[in-house]
């Protein structure tokens, strides 16, 4: 199996992360109904280090639609779904404290990273 050197991992992570500048994170039900949408900063992620980009502050959804979260999408500023993520409590690519969100509740995300592994 090939192994990517750090410079390649960083370049790949930065290229992916740059797709989400001014984009959003949409939490949806398993049937694709909106539950909550959070907004990335104009520069969504910092520069990669060791193949990892860390998100800048993510703006909360202070008035969520509500529902039971089944999945999440990272969406670019042109509203294209680019990455689908699994969501769970204690598991999943995105981990939350609860999958059930009430109408008008505030939904926040404390951190998010994009990682390009060495192999």
PDB file of N, CA and C in Angstrom:
ATOM      1  N   UNK A   1       0.846  -1.173   0.000  1.00  0.00           N
ATOM      2  CA  UNK A   1       0.000   0.000   0.000  1.00  0.00           C
ATOM      3  C   UNK A   1       0.890   1.235   0.000  1.00  0.00           C
ATOM      4  N   UNK A   2       0.526   2.221  -0.773  1.00  0.00           N
ATOM      5  CA  UNK A   2       1.279   3.472  -0.852  1.00  0.00           C
ATOM      6  C   UNK A   2       1.125   4.267   0.438  1.00  0.00           C
ATOM      7  N   UNK A   3       2.141   5.034   0.752  1.00  0.00           N
ATOM      8  CA  UNK A   3       2.102   5.919   1.914  1.00  0.00           C
ATOM      9  C   UNK A   3       2.292   7.351   1.433  1.00  0.00           C
ATOM     10  N   UNK A   4       1.407   8.230   1.844  1.00  0.00           N
ATOM     11  CA  UNK A   4       1.487   9.637   1.463  1.00  0.00           C
ATOM     12  C   UNK A   4       2.393  10.384   2.429  1.00  0.00           C
ATOM     13  N   UNK A   5       3.321  11.164   1.882  1.00  0.00           N
ATOM     14  CA  UNK A   5       4.161  11.997   2.738  1.00  0.00           C
ATOM     15  C   UNK A   5       3.314  13.162   3.252  1.00  0.00           C
ATOM     16  N   UNK A   6       3.778  13.792   4.318  1.00  0.00           N
ATOM     17  CA  UNK A   6       2.988  14.841   4.966  1.00  0.00           C
ATOM     18  C   UNK A   6       2.628  15.986   4.025  1.00  0.00           C
ATOM     19  N   UNK A   7       3.541  16.381   3.148  1.00  0.00           N
ATOM     20  CA  UNK A   7       3.249  17.493   2.230  1.00  0.00           C
ATOM     21  C   UNK A   7       2.058  17.162   1.326  1.00  0.00           C
ATOM     22  N   UNK A   8       1.967  15.925   0.874  1.00  0.00           N
ATOM     23  CA  UNK A   8       0.847  15.502   0.026  1.00  0.00           C
ATOM     24  C   UNK A   8      -0.437  15.447   0.851  1.00  0.00           C
ATOM     25  N   UNK A   9      -0.347  14.906   2.047  1.00  0.00           N
ATOM     26  CA  UNK A   9      -1.529  14.844   2.924  1.00  0.00           C
ATOM     27  C   UNK A   9      -2.050  16.251   3.210  1.00  0.00           C
ATOM     28  N   UNK A  10      -1.147  17.174   3.498  1.00  0.00           N
ATOM     29  CA  UNK A  10      -1.561  18.548   3.787  1.00  0.00           C
ATOM     30  C   UNK A  10      -2.208  19.201   2.571  1.00  0.00           C
ATOM     31  N   UNK A  11      -1.612  19.010   1.392  1.00  0.00           N
ATOM     32  CA  UNK A  11      -2.174  19.601   0.175  1.00  0.00           C
ATOM     33  C   UNK A  11      -3.562  19.047  -0.109  1.00  0.00           C
ATOM     34  N   UNK A  12      -3.735  17.750   0.066  1.00  0.00           N
ATOM     35  CA  UNK A  12      -5.045  17.136  -0.171  1.00  0.00           C
ATOM     36  C   UNK A  12      -6.076  17.625   0.846  1.00  0.00           C
ATOM     37  N   UNK A  13      -5.699  17.665   2.113  1.00  0.00           N
ATOM     38  CA  UNK A  13      -6.626  18.144   3.153  1.00  0.00           C
ATOM     39  C   UNK A  13      -7.007  19.596   2.907  1.00  0.00           C
ATOM     40  N   UNK A  14      -6.031  20.431   2.564  1.00  0.00           N
ATOM     41  CA  UNK A  14      -6.317  21.849   2.292  1.00  0.00           C
ATOM     42  C   UNK A  14      -7.261  22.006   1.096  1.00  0.00           C
ATOM     43  N   UNK A  15      -7.052  21.199   0.049  1.00  0.00           N
ATOM     44  CA  UNK A  15      -7.909  21.289  -1.138  1.00  0.00           C
ATOM     45  C   UNK A  15      -9.350  20.924  -0.807  1.00  0.00           C
ATOM     46  N   UNK A  16      -9.538  19.889  -0.016  1.00  0.00           N
ATOM     47  CA  UNK A  16     -10.897  19.498   0.389  1.00  0.00           C
ATOM     48  C   UNK A  16     -11.499  20.561   1.299  1.00  0.00           C
ATOM     49  N   UNK A  17     -10.749  21.003   2.288  1.00  0.00           N
ATOM     50  CA  UNK A  17     -11.258  21.984   3.260  1.00  0.00           C
ATOM     51  C   UNK A  17     -11.672  23.287   2.579  1.00  0.00           C
ATOM     52  N   UNK A  18     -10.904  23.714   1.568  1.00  0.00           N
ATOM     53  CA  UNK A  18     -11.218  24.971   0.875  1.00  0.00           C
ATOM     54  C   UNK A  18     -12.568  24.924   0.166  1.00  0.00           C
ATOM     55  N   UNK A  19     -13.073  23.755  -0.124  1.00  0.00           N
ATOM     56  CA  UNK A  19     -14.372  23.629  -0.783  1.00  0.00           C
ATOM     57  C   UNK A  19     -15.514  24.148   0.090  1.00  0.00           C
ATOM     58  N   UNK A  20     -15.281  24.240   1.407  1.00  0.00           N
ATOM     59  CA  UNK A  20     -16.371  24.560   2.321  1.00  0.00           C
ATOM     60  C   UNK A  20     -16.358  26.004   2.834  1.00  0.00           C
ATOM     61  N   UNK A  21     -15.479  26.847   2.284  1.00  0.00           N
ATOM     62  CA  UNK A  21     -15.484  28.259   2.672  1.00  0.00           C
ATOM     63  C   UNK A  21     -16.877  28.840   2.446  1.00  0.00           C
ATOM     64  N   UNK A  22     -17.451  29.445   3.481  1.00  0.00           N
ATOM     65  CA  UNK A  22     -18.803  30.032   3.461  1.00  0.00           C
ATOM     66  C   UNK A  22     -19.890  28.999   3.171  1.00  0.00           C
ATOM     67  N   UNK A  23     -19.597  27.738   3.406  1.00  0.00           N
ATOM     68  CA  UNK A  23     -20.581  26.679   3.208  1.00  0.00           C
ATOM     69  C   UNK A  23     -21.367  26.393   4.475  1.00  0.00           C
ATOM     70  N   UNK A  24     -21.991  25.230   4.531  1.00  0.00           N
ATOM     71  CA  UNK A  24     -22.824  24.876   5.680  1.00  0.00           C
ATOM     72  C   UNK A  24     -22.656  23.401   6.047  1.00  0.00           C
ATOM     73  N   UNK A  25     -23.141  23.067   7.219  1.00  0.00           N
ATOM     74  CA  UNK A  25     -23.303  21.686   7.667  1.00  0.00           C
ATOM     75  C   UNK A  25     -24.793  21.502   7.879  1.00  0.00           C
ATOM     76  N   UNK A  26     -25.395  20.607   7.119  1.00  0.00           N
ATOM     77  CA  UNK A  26     -26.831  20.370   7.225  1.00  0.00           C
ATOM     78  C   UNK A  26     -27.078  19.054   7.931  1.00  0.00           C
ATOM     79  N   UNK A  27     -27.809  19.108   9.018  1.00  0.00           N
ATOM     80  CA  UNK A  27     -28.260  17.899   9.705  1.00  0.00           C
ATOM     81  C   UNK A  27     -29.657  17.601   9.191  1.00  0.00           C
ATOM     82  N   UNK A  28     -29.860  16.348   8.762  1.00  0.00           N
ATOM     83  CA  UNK A  28     -31.136  15.959   8.156  1.00  0.00           C
ATOM     84  C   UNK A  28     -31.643  14.659   8.772  1.00  0.00           C
ATOM     85  N   UNK A  29     -32.931  14.434   8.616  1.00  0.00           N
ATOM     86  CA  UNK A  29     -33.516  13.161   9.018  1.00  0.00           C
ATOM     87  C   UNK A  29     -33.082  12.092   8.017  1.00  0.00           C
ATOM     88  N   UNK A  30     -33.376  10.841   8.316  1.00  0.00           N
ATOM     89  CA  UNK A  30     -33.058   9.764   7.375  1.00  0.00           C
ATOM     90  C   UNK A  30     -33.830   9.935   6.070  1.00  0.00           C
ATOM     91  N   UNK A  31     -34.934  10.678   6.095  1.00  0.00           N
ATOM     92  CA  UNK A  31     -35.721  10.955   4.897  1.00  0.00           C
ATOM     93  C   UNK A  31     -35.371  12.265   4.220  1.00  0.00           C
ATOM     94  N   UNK A  32     -34.259  12.885   4.633  1.00  0.00           N
ATOM     95  CA  UNK A  32     -33.707  14.109   4.043  1.00  0.00           C
ATOM     96  C   UNK A  32     -34.420  15.409   4.430  1.00  0.00           C
ATOM     97  N   UNK A  33     -35.269  15.403   5.448  1.00  0.00           N
ATOM     98  CA  UNK A  33     -35.869  16.649   5.916  1.00  0.00           C
ATOM     99  C   UNK A  33     -34.839  17.413   6.760  1.00  0.00           C
ATOM    100  N   UNK A  34     -34.830  18.713   6.629  1.00  0.00           N
ATOM    101  CA  UNK A  34     -33.888  19.548   7.393  1.00  0.00           C
ATOM    102  C   UNK A  34     -34.207  19.481   8.881  1.00  0.00           C
ATOM    103  N   UNK A  35     -33.178  19.335   9.700  1.00  0.00           N
ATOM    104  CA  UNK A  35     -33.303  19.413  11.155  1.00  0.00           C
ATOM    105  C   UNK A  35     -32.631  20.682  11.657  1.00  0.00           C
ATOM    106  N   UNK A  36     -31.396  20.927  11.201  1.00  0.00           N
ATOM    107  CA  UNK A  36     -30.647  22.124  11.599  1.00  0.00           C
ATOM    108  C   UNK A  36     -29.554  22.371  10.565  1.00  0.00           C
ATOM    109  N   UNK A  37     -29.192  23.636  10.388  1.00  0.00           N
ATOM    110  CA  UNK A  37     -28.122  24.005   9.466  1.00  0.00           C
ATOM    111  C   UNK A  37     -27.190  24.989  10.150  1.00  0.00           C
ATOM    112  N   UNK A  38     -25.902  24.623  10.185  1.00  0.00           N
ATOM    113  CA  UNK A  38     -24.869  25.465  10.775  1.00  0.00           C
ATOM    114  C   UNK A  38     -24.019  26.027   9.642  1.00  0.00           C
ATOM    115  N   UNK A  39     -23.365  27.163   9.879  1.00  0.00           N
ATOM    116  CA  UNK A  39     -22.644  27.846   8.811  1.00  0.00           C
ATOM    117  C   UNK A  39     -21.148  27.905   9.086  1.00  0.00           C
ATOM    118  N   UNK A  40     -20.367  27.541   8.055  1.00  0.00           N
ATOM    119  CA  UNK A  40     -18.914  27.678   8.121  1.00  0.00           C
ATOM    120  C   UNK A  40     -18.518  29.139   7.945  1.00  0.00           C
ATOM    121  N   UNK A  41     -17.350  29.486   8.445  1.00  0.00           N
ATOM    122  CA  UNK A  41     -16.778  30.821   8.259  1.00  0.00           C
ATOM    123  C   UNK A  41     -16.366  31.014   6.798  1.00  0.00           C
ATOM    124  N   UNK A  42     -16.057  32.255   6.421  1.00  0.00           N
ATOM    125  CA  UNK A  42     -15.601  32.548   5.059  1.00  0.00           C
ATOM    126  C   UNK A  42     -14.348  31.734   4.730  1.00  0.00           C
ATOM    127  N   UNK A  43     -13.472  31.567   5.702  1.00  0.00           N
ATOM    128  CA  UNK A  43     -12.355  30.622   5.603  1.00  0.00           C
ATOM    129  C   UNK A  43     -12.700  29.515   6.578  1.00  0.00           C
ATOM    130  N   UNK A  44     -13.276  28.441   6.065  1.00  0.00           N
ATOM    131  CA  UNK A  44     -13.886  27.412   6.903  1.00  0.00           C
ATOM    132  C   UNK A  44     -12.895  26.640   7.761  1.00  0.00           C
ATOM    133  N   UNK A  45     -11.692  26.398   7.250  1.00  0.00           N
ATOM    134  CA  UNK A  45     -10.700  25.584   7.954  1.00  0.00           C
ATOM    135  C   UNK A  45      -9.341  26.268   7.913  1.00  0.00           C
ATOM    136  N   UNK A  46      -8.561  26.007   8.956  1.00  0.00           N
ATOM    137  CA  UNK A  46      -7.178  26.462   8.969  1.00  0.00           C
ATOM    138  C   UNK A  46      -6.325  25.560   8.096  1.00  0.00           C
ATOM    139  N   UNK A  47      -5.065  25.972   7.891  1.00  0.00           N
ATOM    140  CA  UNK A  47      -4.133  25.196   7.077  1.00  0.00           C
ATOM    141  C   UNK A  47      -3.855  23.837   7.726  1.00  0.00           C
ATOM    142  N   UNK A  48      -3.672  22.836   6.892  1.00  0.00           N
ATOM    143  CA  UNK A  48      -3.434  21.481   7.380  1.00  0.00           C
ATOM    144  C   UNK A  48      -2.072  21.342   8.034  1.00  0.00           C
ATOM    145  N   UNK A  49      -2.046  20.475   9.030  1.00  0.00           N
ATOM    146  CA  UNK A  49      -0.813  20.060   9.689  1.00  0.00           C
ATOM    147  C   UNK A  49      -0.941  18.561   9.922  1.00  0.00           C
ATOM    148  N   UNK A  50       0.048  17.803   9.493  1.00  0.00           N
ATOM    149  CA  UNK A  50       0.019  16.342   9.609  1.00  0.00           C
ATOM    150  C   UNK A  50      -1.230  15.751   8.944  1.00  0.00           C
ATOM    151  N   UNK A  51      -1.700  16.409   7.871  1.00  0.00           N
ATOM    152  CA  UNK A  51      -2.852  15.918   7.128  1.00  0.00           C
ATOM    153  C   UNK A  51      -4.201  16.240   7.740  1.00  0.00           C
ATOM    154  N   UNK A  52      -4.216  17.127   8.735  1.00  0.00           N
ATOM    155  CA  UNK A  52      -5.458  17.450   9.440  1.00  0.00           C
ATOM    156  C   UNK A  52      -5.750  18.948   9.349  1.00  0.00           C
ATOM    157  N   UNK A  53      -6.962  19.287   8.888  1.00  0.00           N
ATOM    158  CA  UNK A  53      -7.454  20.671   8.892  1.00  0.00           C
ATOM    159  C   UNK A  53      -8.514  20.784   9.981  1.00  0.00           C
ATOM    160  N   UNK A  54      -8.433  21.828  10.780  1.00  0.00           N
ATOM    161  CA  UNK A  54      -9.394  22.060  11.859  1.00  0.00           C
ATOM    162  C   UNK A  54     -10.285  23.236  11.487  1.00  0.00           C
ATOM    163  N   UNK A  55     -11.585  23.059  11.667  1.00  0.00           N
ATOM    164  CA  UNK A  55     -12.541  24.105  11.306  1.00  0.00           C
ATOM    165  C   UNK A  55     -12.369  25.342  12.170  1.00  0.00           C
ATOM    166  N   UNK A  56     -12.561  26.482  11.541  1.00  0.00           N
ATOM    167  CA  UNK A  56     -12.683  27.746  12.270  1.00  0.00           C
ATOM    168  C   UNK A  56     -14.026  27.707  12.997  1.00  0.00           C
ATOM    169  N   UNK A  57     -14.353  28.766  13.715  1.00  0.00           N
ATOM    170  CA  UNK A  57     -15.629  28.812  14.435  1.00  0.00           C
ATOM    171  C   UNK A  57     -16.782  28.536  13.473  1.00  0.00           C
ATOM    172  N   UNK A  58     -17.700  27.690  13.906  1.00  0.00           N
ATOM    173  CA  UNK A  58     -18.873  27.324  13.121  1.00  0.00           C
ATOM    174  C   UNK A  58     -20.079  28.013  13.751  1.00  0.00           C
ATOM    175  N   UNK A  59     -20.835  28.750  12.937  1.00  0.00           N
ATOM    176  CA  UNK A  59     -21.982  29.499  13.451  1.00  0.00           C
ATOM    177  C   UNK A  59     -23.136  28.546  13.749  1.00  0.00           C
ATOM    178  N   UNK A  60     -23.674  28.651  14.944  1.00  0.00           N
ATOM    179  CA  UNK A  60     -24.773  27.790  15.389  1.00  0.00           C
ATOM    180  C   UNK A  60     -26.056  28.060  14.610  1.00  0.00           C
ATOM    181  N   UNK A  61     -26.972  27.128  14.699  1.00  0.00           N
ATOM    182  CA  UNK A  61     -28.343  27.330  14.223  1.00  0.00           C
ATOM    183  C   UNK A  61     -29.157  27.632  15.468  1.00  0.00           C
ATOM    184  N   UNK A  62     -29.534  28.885  15.649  1.00  0.00           N
ATOM    185  CA  UNK A  62     -30.241  29.317  16.855  1.00  0.00           C
ATOM    186  C   UNK A  62     -31.747  29.091  16.779  1.00  0.00           C
ATOM    187  N   UNK A  63     -32.236  28.562  15.667  1.00  0.00           N
ATOM    188  CA  UNK A  63     -33.671  28.333  15.488  1.00  0.00           C
ATOM    189  C   UNK A  63     -33.875  27.092  14.613  1.00  0.00           C
ATOM    190  N   UNK A  64     -33.453  25.947  15.131  1.00  0.00           N
ATOM    191  CA  UNK A  64     -33.511  24.699  14.363  1.00  0.00           C
ATOM    192  C   UNK A  64     -34.940  24.344  13.980  1.00  0.00           C
ATOM    193  N   UNK A  65     -35.079  23.690  12.842  1.00  0.00           N
ATOM    194  CA  UNK A  65     -36.381  23.192  12.403  1.00  0.00           C
ATOM    195  C   UNK A  65     -36.861  22.100  13.350  1.00  0.00           C
ATOM    196  N   UNK A  66     -35.918  21.249  13.758  1.00  0.00           N
ATOM    197  CA  UNK A  66     -36.222  20.169  14.684  1.00  0.00           C
ATOM    198  C   UNK A  66     -36.501  18.860  13.975  1.00  0.00           C
ATOM    199  N   UNK A  67     -36.323  17.778  14.719  1.00  0.00           N
ATOM    200  CA  UNK A  67     -36.537  16.439  14.194  1.00  0.00           C
ATOM    201  C   UNK A  67     -35.477  15.502  14.737  1.00  0.00           C
ATOM    202  N   UNK A  68     -35.418  14.300  14.185  1.00  0.00           N
ATOM    203  CA  UNK A  68     -34.420  13.313  14.588  1.00  0.00           C
ATOM    204  C   UNK A  68     -33.347  13.230  13.516  1.00  0.00           C
ATOM    205  N   UNK A  69     -32.119  13.539  13.896  1.00  0.00           N
ATOM    206  CA  UNK A  69     -31.002  13.562  12.951  1.00  0.00           C
ATOM    207  C   UNK A  69     -30.633  12.138  12.540  1.00  0.00           C
ATOM    208  N   UNK A  70     -30.536  11.928  11.235  1.00  0.00           N
ATOM    209  CA  UNK A  70     -30.127  10.635  10.705  1.00  0.00           C
ATOM    210  C   UNK A  70     -28.808  10.685   9.955  1.00  0.00           C
ATOM    211  N   UNK A  71     -28.430  11.894   9.508  1.00  0.00           N
ATOM    212  CA  UNK A  71     -27.192  12.063   8.745  1.00  0.00           C
ATOM    213  C   UNK A  71     -26.865  13.544   8.656  1.00  0.00           C
ATOM    214  N   UNK A  72     -25.654  13.815   8.187  1.00  0.00           N
ATOM    215  CA  UNK A  72     -25.223  15.199   8.002  1.00  0.00           C
ATOM    216  C   UNK A  72     -24.511  15.327   6.668  1.00  0.00           C
ATOM    217  N   UNK A  73     -24.556  16.516   6.100  1.00  0.00           N
ATOM    218  CA  UNK A  73     -23.868  16.797   4.845  1.00  0.00           C
ATOM    219  C   UNK A  73     -23.018  18.045   5.012  1.00  0.00           C
ATOM    220  N   UNK A  74     -21.806  18.002   4.471  1.00  0.00           N
ATOM    221  CA  UNK A  74     -20.980  19.199   4.353  1.00  0.00           C
ATOM    222  C   UNK A  74     -21.261  19.749   2.970  1.00  0.00           C
ATOM    223  N   UNK A  75     -21.638  21.026   2.924  1.00  0.00           N
ATOM    224  CA  UNK A  75     -22.171  21.630   1.703  1.00  0.00           C
ATOM    225  C   UNK A  75     -21.328  22.853   1.347  1.00  0.00           C
ATOM    226  N   UNK A  76     -21.024  23.010   0.061  1.00  0.00           N
ATOM    227  CA  UNK A  76     -20.230  24.172  -0.349  1.00  0.00           C
ATOM    228  C   UNK A  76     -21.104  25.420  -0.473  1.00  0.00           C
ATOM    229  N   UNK A  77     -20.465  26.549  -0.794  1.00  0.00           N
ATOM    230  CA  UNK A  77     -21.201  27.817  -0.859  1.00  0.00           C
ATOM    231  C   UNK A  77     -22.161  27.877  -2.042  1.00  0.00           C
ATOM    232  N   UNK A  78     -22.069  26.938  -2.966  1.00  0.00           N
ATOM    233  CA  UNK A  78     -23.010  26.853  -4.090  1.00  0.00           C
ATOM    234  C   UNK A  78     -24.160  25.899  -3.786  1.00  0.00           C
ATOM    235  N   UNK A  79     -24.260  25.474  -2.531  1.00  0.00           N
ATOM    236  CA  UNK A  79     -25.340  24.606  -2.045  1.00  0.00           C
ATOM    237  C   UNK A  79     -25.269  23.178  -2.579  1.00  0.00           C
ATOM    238  N   UNK A  80     -24.075  22.711  -2.937  1.00  0.00           N
ATOM    239  CA  UNK A  80     -23.915  21.326  -3.386  1.00  0.00           C
ATOM    240  C   UNK A  80     -23.488  20.450  -2.209  1.00  0.00           C
ATOM    241  N   UNK A  81     -24.213  19.352  -1.996  1.00  0.00           N
ATOM    242  CA  UNK A  81     -23.822  18.369  -0.978  1.00  0.00           C
ATOM    243  C   UNK A  81     -22.544  17.695  -1.459  1.00  0.00           C
ATOM    244  N   UNK A  82     -21.450  17.820  -0.693  1.00  0.00           N
ATOM    245  CA  UNK A  82     -20.177  17.244  -1.127  1.00  0.00           C
ATOM    246  C   UNK A  82     -19.734  16.047  -0.304  1.00  0.00           C
ATOM    247  N   UNK A  83     -20.019  16.056   0.989  1.00  0.00           N
ATOM    248  CA  UNK A  83     -19.624  14.945   1.847  1.00  0.00           C
ATOM    249  C   UNK A  83     -20.805  14.573   2.737  1.00  0.00           C
ATOM    250  N   UNK A  84     -21.181  13.293   2.714  1.00  0.00           N
ATOM    251  CA  UNK A  84     -22.202  12.797   3.631  1.00  0.00           C
ATOM    252  C   UNK A  84     -21.504  12.148   4.815  1.00  0.00           C
ATOM    253  N   UNK A  85     -21.950  12.466   6.022  1.00  0.00           N
ATOM    254  CA  UNK A  85     -21.342  11.941   7.244  1.00  0.00           C
ATOM    255  C   UNK A  85     -22.366  11.171   8.062  1.00  0.00           C
ATOM    256  N   UNK A  86     -21.895  10.098   8.686  1.00  0.00           N
ATOM    257  CA  UNK A  86     -22.752   9.403   9.646  1.00  0.00           C
ATOM    258  C   UNK A  86     -22.788  10.234  10.929  1.00  0.00           C
ATOM    259  N   UNK A  87     -23.897  10.134  11.642  1.00  0.00           N
ATOM    260  CA  UNK A  87     -24.092  10.906  12.870  1.00  0.00           C
ATOM    261  C   UNK A  87     -24.587   9.961  13.953  1.00  0.00           C
ATOM    262  N   UNK A  88     -24.080  10.119  15.155  1.00  0.00           N
ATOM    263  CA  UNK A  88     -24.531   9.276  16.246  1.00  0.00           C
ATOM    264  C   UNK A  88     -24.207   9.869  17.597  1.00  0.00           C
ATOM    265  N   UNK A  89     -24.670   9.206  18.632  1.00  0.00           N
ATOM    266  CA  UNK A  89     -24.331   9.562  20.014  1.00  0.00           C
ATOM    267  C   UNK A  89     -23.277   8.549  20.459  1.00  0.00           C
ATOM    268  N   UNK A  90     -22.049   9.003  20.600  1.00  0.00           N
ATOM    269  CA  UNK A  90     -20.956   8.120  20.990  1.00  0.00           C
ATOM    270  C   UNK A  90     -20.358   7.327  19.844  1.00  0.00           C
ATOM    271  N   UNK A  91     -20.865   7.516  18.629  1.00  0.00           N
ATOM    272  CA  UNK A  91     -20.320   6.849  17.452  1.00  0.00           C
ATOM    273  C   UNK A  91     -20.643   7.712  16.242  1.00  0.00           C
ATOM    274  N   UNK A  92     -20.100   7.346  15.109  1.00  0.00           N
ATOM    275  CA  UNK A  92     -20.362   8.103  13.892  1.00  0.00           C
ATOM    276  C   UNK A  92     -19.248   9.091  13.605  1.00  0.00           C
ATOM    277  N   UNK A  93     -19.232   9.548  12.365  1.00  0.00           N
ATOM    278  CA  UNK A  93     -18.218  10.523  11.959  1.00  0.00           C
ATOM    279  C   UNK A  93     -18.444  11.869  12.625  1.00  0.00           C
ATOM    280  N   UNK A  94     -19.698  12.198  12.875  1.00  0.00           N
ATOM    281  CA  UNK A  94     -20.041  13.369  13.686  1.00  0.00           C
ATOM    282  C   UNK A  94     -20.773  12.847  14.904  1.00  0.00           C
ATOM    283  N   UNK A  95     -20.268  13.201  16.081  1.00  0.00           N
ATOM    284  CA  UNK A  95     -20.868  12.722  17.327  1.00  0.00           C
ATOM    285  C   UNK A  95     -21.575  13.870  18.034  1.00  0.00           C
ATOM    286  N   UNK A  96     -22.813  13.610  18.402  1.00  0.00           N
ATOM    287  CA  UNK A  96     -23.647  14.600  19.075  1.00  0.00           C
ATOM    288  C   UNK A  96     -24.060  14.079  20.445  1.00  0.00           C
ATOM    289  N   UNK A  97     -24.546  14.988  21.294  1.00  0.00           N
ATOM    290  CA  UNK A  97     -25.043  14.571  22.602  1.00  0.00           C
ATOM    291  C   UNK A  97     -26.455  14.016  22.505  1.00  0.00           C
ATOM    292  N   UNK A  98     -27.190  14.396  21.450  1.00  0.00           N
ATOM    293  CA  UNK A  98     -28.538  13.879  21.220  1.00  0.00           C
ATOM    294  C   UNK A  98     -28.845  13.971  19.736  1.00  0.00           C
ATOM    295  N   UNK A  99     -29.595  13.007  19.233  1.00  0.00           N
ATOM    296  CA  UNK A  99     -30.028  13.053  17.839  1.00  0.00           C
ATOM    297  C   UNK A  99     -31.407  13.680  17.686  1.00  0.00           C
ATOM    298  N   UNK A 100     -32.089  13.898  18.799  1.00  0.00           N
ATOM    299  CA  UNK A 100     -33.426  14.493  18.779  1.00  0.00           C
ATOM    300  C   UNK A 100     -33.318  15.982  19.088  1.00  0.00           C
ATOM    301  N   UNK A 101     -33.725  16.795  18.127  1.00  0.00           N
ATOM    302  CA  UNK A 101     -33.641  18.249  18.248  1.00  0.00           C
ATOM    303  C   UNK A 101     -35.058  18.812  18.223  1.00  0.00           C
ATOM    304  N   UNK A 102     -35.387  19.614  19.211  1.00  0.00           N
ATOM    305  CA  UNK A 102     -36.708  20.244  19.253  1.00  0.00           C
ATOM    306  C   UNK A 102     -36.771  21.456  18.342  1.00  0.00           C
ATOM    307  N   UNK A 103     -37.973  21.778  17.884  1.00  0.00           N
ATOM    308  CA  UNK A 103     -38.170  22.974  17.064  1.00  0.00           C
ATOM    309  C   UNK A 103     -37.720  24.195  17.848  1.00  0.00           C
ATOM    310  N   UNK A 104     -36.995  25.078  17.188  1.00  0.00           N
ATOM    311  CA  UNK A 104     -36.485  26.340  17.739  1.00  0.00           C
ATOM    312  C   UNK A 104     -35.322  26.171  18.703  1.00  0.00           C
ATOM    313  N   UNK A 105     -34.821  24.940  18.899  1.00  0.00           N
ATOM    314  CA  UNK A 105     -33.648  24.748  19.752  1.00  0.00           C
ATOM    315  C   UNK A 105     -32.400  25.261  19.046  1.00  0.00           C
ATOM    316  N   UNK A 106     -31.372  25.525  19.845  1.00  0.00           N
ATOM    317  CA  UNK A 106     -30.079  25.941  19.311  1.00  0.00           C
ATOM    318  C   UNK A 106     -29.197  24.713  19.142  1.00  0.00           C
ATOM    319  N   UNK A 107     -28.584  24.576  17.958  1.00  0.00           N
ATOM    320  CA  UNK A 107     -27.670  23.475  17.672  1.00  0.00           C
ATOM    321  C   UNK A 107     -26.285  24.064  17.431  1.00  0.00           C
ATOM    322  N   UNK A 108     -25.300  23.555  18.164  1.00  0.00           N
ATOM    323  CA  UNK A 108     -23.928  24.044  18.065  1.00  0.00           C
ATOM    324  C   UNK A 108     -22.982  22.901  17.753  1.00  0.00           C
ATOM    325  N   UNK A 109     -21.852  23.231  17.158  1.00  0.00           N
ATOM    326  CA  UNK A 109     -20.791  22.258  16.922  1.00  0.00           C
ATOM    327  C   UNK A 109     -19.503  22.863  17.459  1.00  0.00           C
ATOM    328  N   UNK A 110     -18.845  22.123  18.354  1.00  0.00           N
ATOM    329  CA  UNK A 110     -17.646  22.672  19.007  1.00  0.00           C
ATOM    330  C   UNK A 110     -16.386  22.469  18.198  1.00  0.00           C
ATOM    331  N   UNK A 111     -16.331  21.439  17.349  1.00  0.00           N
ATOM    332  CA  UNK A 111     -15.133  21.220  16.540  1.00  0.00           C
ATOM    333  C   UNK A 111     -15.435  20.285  15.382  1.00  0.00           C
ATOM    334  N   UNK A 112     -14.592  20.383  14.369  1.00  0.00           N
ATOM    335  CA  UNK A 112     -14.707  19.516  13.199  1.00  0.00           C
ATOM    336  C   UNK A 112     -13.345  19.486  12.528  1.00  0.00           C
ATOM    337  N   UNK A 113     -12.917  18.315  12.104  1.00  0.00           N
ATOM    338  CA  UNK A 113     -11.655  18.202  11.375  1.00  0.00           C
ATOM    339  C   UNK A 113     -11.858  17.399  10.089  1.00  0.00           C
ATOM    340  N   UNK A 114     -10.995  17.679   9.137  1.00  0.00           N
ATOM    341  CA  UNK A 114     -10.891  16.885   7.915  1.00  0.00           C
ATOM    342  C   UNK A 114      -9.500  16.276   7.943  1.00  0.00           C
ATOM    343  N   UNK A 115      -9.429  14.957   7.790  1.00  0.00           N
ATOM    344  CA  UNK A 115      -8.159  14.248   7.898  1.00  0.00           C
ATOM    345  C   UNK A 115      -7.867  13.437   6.636  1.00  0.00           C
ATOM    346  N   UNK A 116      -6.659  13.575   6.128  1.00  0.00           N
ATOM    347  CA  UNK A 116      -6.166  12.723   5.046  1.00  0.00           C
ATOM    348  C   UNK A 116      -5.111  11.815   5.666  1.00  0.00           C
ATOM    349  N   UNK A 117      -5.385  10.514   5.752  1.00  0.00           N
ATOM    350  CA  UNK A 117      -4.443   9.598   6.393  1.00  0.00           C
ATOM    351  C   UNK A 117      -3.222   9.333   5.516  1.00  0.00           C
ATOM    352  N   UNK A 118      -2.182   8.843   6.126  1.00  0.00           N
ATOM    353  CA  UNK A 118      -0.948   8.527   5.391  1.00  0.00           C
ATOM    354  C   UNK A 118      -1.149   7.358   4.433  1.00  0.00           C
ATOM    355  N   UNK A 119      -1.998   6.414   4.801  1.00  0.00           N
ATOM    356  CA  UNK A 119      -2.240   5.269   3.915  1.00  0.00           C
ATOM    357  C   UNK A 119      -3.656   4.768   4.079  1.00  0.00           C
TER     358      UNK A 119
END
